[in-house]
Amino acid sequence: MKLIFAIVNNDDSHNVATALTQGGFSATKLASTGGFLMAGNTTFMICCENASVDSAIAVIAQNSRKRKQYVPNAASYAANEAPVSYPVEVSVGGATIFVTDIERFEKL
């Protein structure tokens, strides 16, 4: 058995959860926060048979997408002027996935 940790953007959370359920996967949702943008994410924990890992990852990939977002940059200082902050475009969304082995699984 494998345990899949899938971290997805909150904007994609509902679609991923619905698609996983429709695909026959049981998932536990945890609220999480990204370290770079300090934005809300959802972490899914999915336990499945080894043969189902690729199917679960495909469901997640099909229902989470990357998008561009502008974030404030550190202020720039010019001589005798007020600090100016220019927005920087970053890529957010998609999914970050970890797959680990499970030694024992029980659903009581």
C-alpha atoms as a PDB file:
ATOM      1  CA  MET A   1       0.000   0.000   0.000  1.00  0.00           C
ATOM      2  CA  LYS A   2       0.983   3.612  -0.556  1.00  0.00           C
ATOM      3  CA  LEU A   3       0.136   6.892   1.113  1.00  0.00           C
ATOM      4  CA  ILE A   4      -0.155   9.875  -1.209  1.00  0.00           C
ATOM      5  CA  PHE A   5       0.230  13.382   0.178  1.00  0.00           C
ATOM      6  CA  ALA A   6      -1.116  15.836  -2.410  1.00  0.00           C
ATOM      7  CA  ILE A   7      -0.836  19.553  -1.678  1.00  0.00           C
ATOM      8  CA  VAL A   8      -3.135  21.615  -3.905  1.00  0.00           C
ATOM      9  CA  ASN A   9      -4.198  25.251  -4.064  1.00  0.00           C
ATOM     10  CA  ASN A  10      -7.436  26.028  -2.206  1.00  0.00           C
ATOM     11  CA  ASP A  11      -8.949  27.157  -5.520  1.00  0.00           C
ATOM     12  CA  ASP A  12      -8.674  23.557  -6.782  1.00  0.00           C
ATOM     13  CA  SER A  13      -9.541  21.779  -3.542  1.00  0.00           C
ATOM     14  CA  HIS A  14     -13.248  21.210  -4.232  1.00  0.00           C
ATOM     15  CA  ASN A  15     -12.670  19.861  -7.753  1.00  0.00           C
ATOM     16  CA  VAL A  16      -9.905  17.516  -6.584  1.00  0.00           C
ATOM     17  CA  ALA A  17     -11.989  16.218  -3.657  1.00  0.00           C
ATOM     18  CA  THR A  18     -15.017  15.604  -5.885  1.00  0.00           C
ATOM     19  CA  ALA A  19     -12.966  13.850  -8.581  1.00  0.00           C
ATOM     20  CA  LEU A  20     -11.162  11.642  -6.054  1.00  0.00           C
ATOM     21  CA  THR A  21     -14.490  10.555  -4.560  1.00  0.00           C
ATOM     22  CA  GLN A  22     -15.942   9.864  -8.025  1.00  0.00           C
ATOM     23  CA  GLY A  23     -12.794   7.868  -8.833  1.00  0.00           C
ATOM     24  CA  GLY A  24     -13.369   5.642  -5.799  1.00  0.00           C
ATOM     25  CA  PHE A  25     -10.569   7.081  -3.661  1.00  0.00           C
ATOM     26  CA  SER A  26     -10.996   7.921   0.010  1.00  0.00           C
ATOM     27  CA  ALA A  27      -9.118  11.021   1.074  1.00  0.00           C
ATOM     28  CA  THR A  28      -8.602  13.003   4.237  1.00  0.00           C
ATOM     29  CA  LYS A  29      -8.385  16.777   3.742  1.00  0.00           C
ATOM     30  CA  LEU A  30      -6.135  18.930   5.901  1.00  0.00           C
ATOM     31  CA  ALA A  31      -5.900  22.717   5.815  1.00  0.00           C
ATOM     32  CA  SER A  32      -2.321  23.821   5.212  1.00  0.00           C
ATOM     33  CA  THR A  33      -0.369  26.975   4.430  1.00  0.00           C
ATOM     34  CA  GLY A  34       2.417  27.376   1.900  1.00  0.00           C
ATOM     35  CA  GLY A  35       5.721  28.724   3.137  1.00  0.00           C
ATOM     36  CA  PHE A  36       6.608  30.978   0.188  1.00  0.00           C
ATOM     37  CA  LEU A  37       3.403  32.957  -0.385  1.00  0.00           C
ATOM     38  CA  MET A  38       1.802  32.062   2.957  1.00  0.00           C
ATOM     39  CA  ALA A  39      -1.326  31.180   0.963  1.00  0.00           C
ATOM     40  CA  GLY A  40      -3.951  28.620   1.863  1.00  0.00           C
ATOM     41  CA  ASN A  41      -3.586  25.093   0.524  1.00  0.00           C
ATOM     42  CA  THR A  42      -5.320  21.807   1.065  1.00  0.00           C
ATOM     43  CA  THR A  43      -3.318  18.670   1.760  1.00  0.00           C
ATOM     44  CA  PHE A  44      -5.005  15.425   0.768  1.00  0.00           C
ATOM     45  CA  MET A  45      -3.928  12.139   2.357  1.00  0.00           C
ATOM     46  CA  ILE A  46      -4.922   9.192   0.161  1.00  0.00           C
ATOM     47  CA  CYS A  47      -4.163   5.576   1.017  1.00  0.00           C
ATOM     48  CA  CYS A  48      -4.407   3.186  -1.918  1.00  0.00           C
ATOM     49  CA  GLU A  49      -3.052  -0.011  -3.395  1.00  0.00           C
ATOM     50  CA  ASN A  50       0.225   0.230  -5.308  1.00  0.00           C
ATOM     51  CA  ALA A  51      -1.545  -0.360  -8.624  1.00  0.00           C
ATOM     52  CA  SER A  52      -3.872   2.628  -8.034  1.00  0.00           C
ATOM     53  CA  VAL A  53      -1.199   5.270  -7.356  1.00  0.00           C
ATOM     54  CA  ASP A  54      -0.895   6.405 -10.976  1.00  0.00           C
ATOM     55  CA  SER A  55      -4.689   6.658 -11.303  1.00  0.00           C
ATOM     56  CA  ALA A  56      -4.955   8.793  -8.160  1.00  0.00           C
ATOM     57  CA  ILE A  57      -2.157  11.077  -9.349  1.00  0.00           C
ATOM     58  CA  ALA A  58      -3.850  11.426 -12.742  1.00  0.00           C
ATOM     59  CA  VAL A  59      -7.100  12.499 -11.052  1.00  0.00           C
ATOM     60  CA  ILE A  60      -5.232  15.111  -9.015  1.00  0.00           C
ATOM     61  CA  ALA A  61      -3.330  16.374 -12.083  1.00  0.00           C
ATOM     62  CA  GLN A  62      -6.503  16.704 -14.153  1.00  0.00           C
ATOM     63  CA  ASN A  63      -8.226  18.763 -11.456  1.00  0.00           C
ATOM     64  CA  SER A  64      -5.488  21.121 -10.286  1.00  0.00           C
ATOM     65  CA  ARG A  65      -3.982  23.758 -12.516  1.00  0.00           C
ATOM     66  CA  LYS A  66      -1.165  26.257 -12.421  1.00  0.00           C
ATOM     67  CA  ARG A  67      -1.978  29.937 -12.646  1.00  0.00           C
ATOM     68  CA  LYS A  68      -0.063  33.215 -12.556  1.00  0.00           C
ATOM     69  CA  GLN A  69      -0.347  35.571  -9.616  1.00  0.00           C
ATOM     70  CA  TYR A  70       1.284  38.898  -8.814  1.00  0.00           C
ATOM     71  CA  VAL A  71       2.861  39.349  -5.392  1.00  0.00           C
ATOM     72  CA  PRO A  72       4.576  42.389  -3.910  1.00  0.00           C
ATOM     73  CA  ASN A  73       8.340  42.428  -4.223  1.00  0.00           C
ATOM     74  CA  ALA A  74      10.753  43.801  -1.630  1.00  0.00           C
ATOM     75  CA  ALA A  75      10.867  47.579  -1.771  1.00  0.00           C
ATOM     76  CA  SER A  76      13.520  49.198  -3.946  1.00  0.00           C
ATOM     77  CA  TYR A  77      15.247  52.317  -2.680  1.00  0.00           C
ATOM     78  CA  ALA A  78      16.529  55.085  -4.920  1.00  0.00           C
ATOM     79  CA  ALA A  79      18.519  58.084  -3.706  1.00  0.00           C
ATOM     80  CA  ASN A  80      16.265  60.773  -2.198  1.00  0.00           C
ATOM     81  CA  GLU A  81      13.067  58.922  -3.146  1.00  0.00           C
ATOM     82  CA  ALA A  82      10.420  56.969  -1.315  1.00  0.00           C
ATOM     83  CA  PRO A  83      10.680  53.158  -1.416  1.00  0.00           C
ATOM     84  CA  VAL A  84       8.917  51.605  -4.395  1.00  0.00           C
ATOM     85  CA  SER A  85       7.541  48.076  -4.481  1.00  0.00           C
ATOM     86  CA  TYR A  86       7.028  46.422  -7.862  1.00  0.00           C
ATOM     87  CA  PRO A  87       4.802  43.354  -8.190  1.00  0.00           C
ATOM     88  CA  VAL A  88       6.426  40.132  -9.372  1.00  0.00           C
ATOM     89  CA  GLU A  89       4.613  37.450 -11.353  1.00  0.00           C
ATOM     90  CA  VAL A  90       4.841  33.964  -9.808  1.00  0.00           C
ATOM     91  CA  SER A  91       3.348  30.617 -10.752  1.00  0.00           C
ATOM     92  CA  VAL A  92       0.941  29.150  -8.173  1.00  0.00           C
ATOM     93  CA  GLY A  93      -1.336  26.146  -8.084  1.00  0.00           C
ATOM     94  CA  GLY A  94      -0.836  22.759  -9.588  1.00  0.00           C
ATOM     95  CA  ALA A  95      -0.038  20.022  -7.110  1.00  0.00           C
ATOM     96  CA  THR A  96       2.913  18.865  -5.068  1.00  0.00           C
ATOM     97  CA  ILE A  97       2.717  15.121  -4.492  1.00  0.00           C
ATOM     98  CA  PHE A  98       4.626  12.782  -2.197  1.00  0.00           C
ATOM     99  CA  VAL A  99       4.158   8.996  -2.261  1.00  0.00           C
ATOM    100  CA  THR A 100       5.321   6.869   0.663  1.00  0.00           C
ATOM    101  CA  ASP A 101       5.133   3.198   1.576  1.00  0.00           C
ATOM    102  CA  ILE A 102       2.606   2.098   4.194  1.00  0.00           C
ATOM    103  CA  GLU A 103       3.613  -0.673   6.549  1.00  0.00           C
ATOM    104  CA  ARG A 104       0.178  -1.054   8.110  1.00  0.00           C
ATOM    105  CA  PHE A 105      -3.261   0.407   7.375  1.00  0.00           C
ATOM    106  CA  GLU A 106      -6.444  -0.069   9.354  1.00  0.00           C
ATOM    107  CA  LYS A 107      -9.805   1.555   8.864  1.00  0.00           C
ATOM    108  CA  LEU A 108     -11.856   1.035  12.020  1.00  0.00           C
END
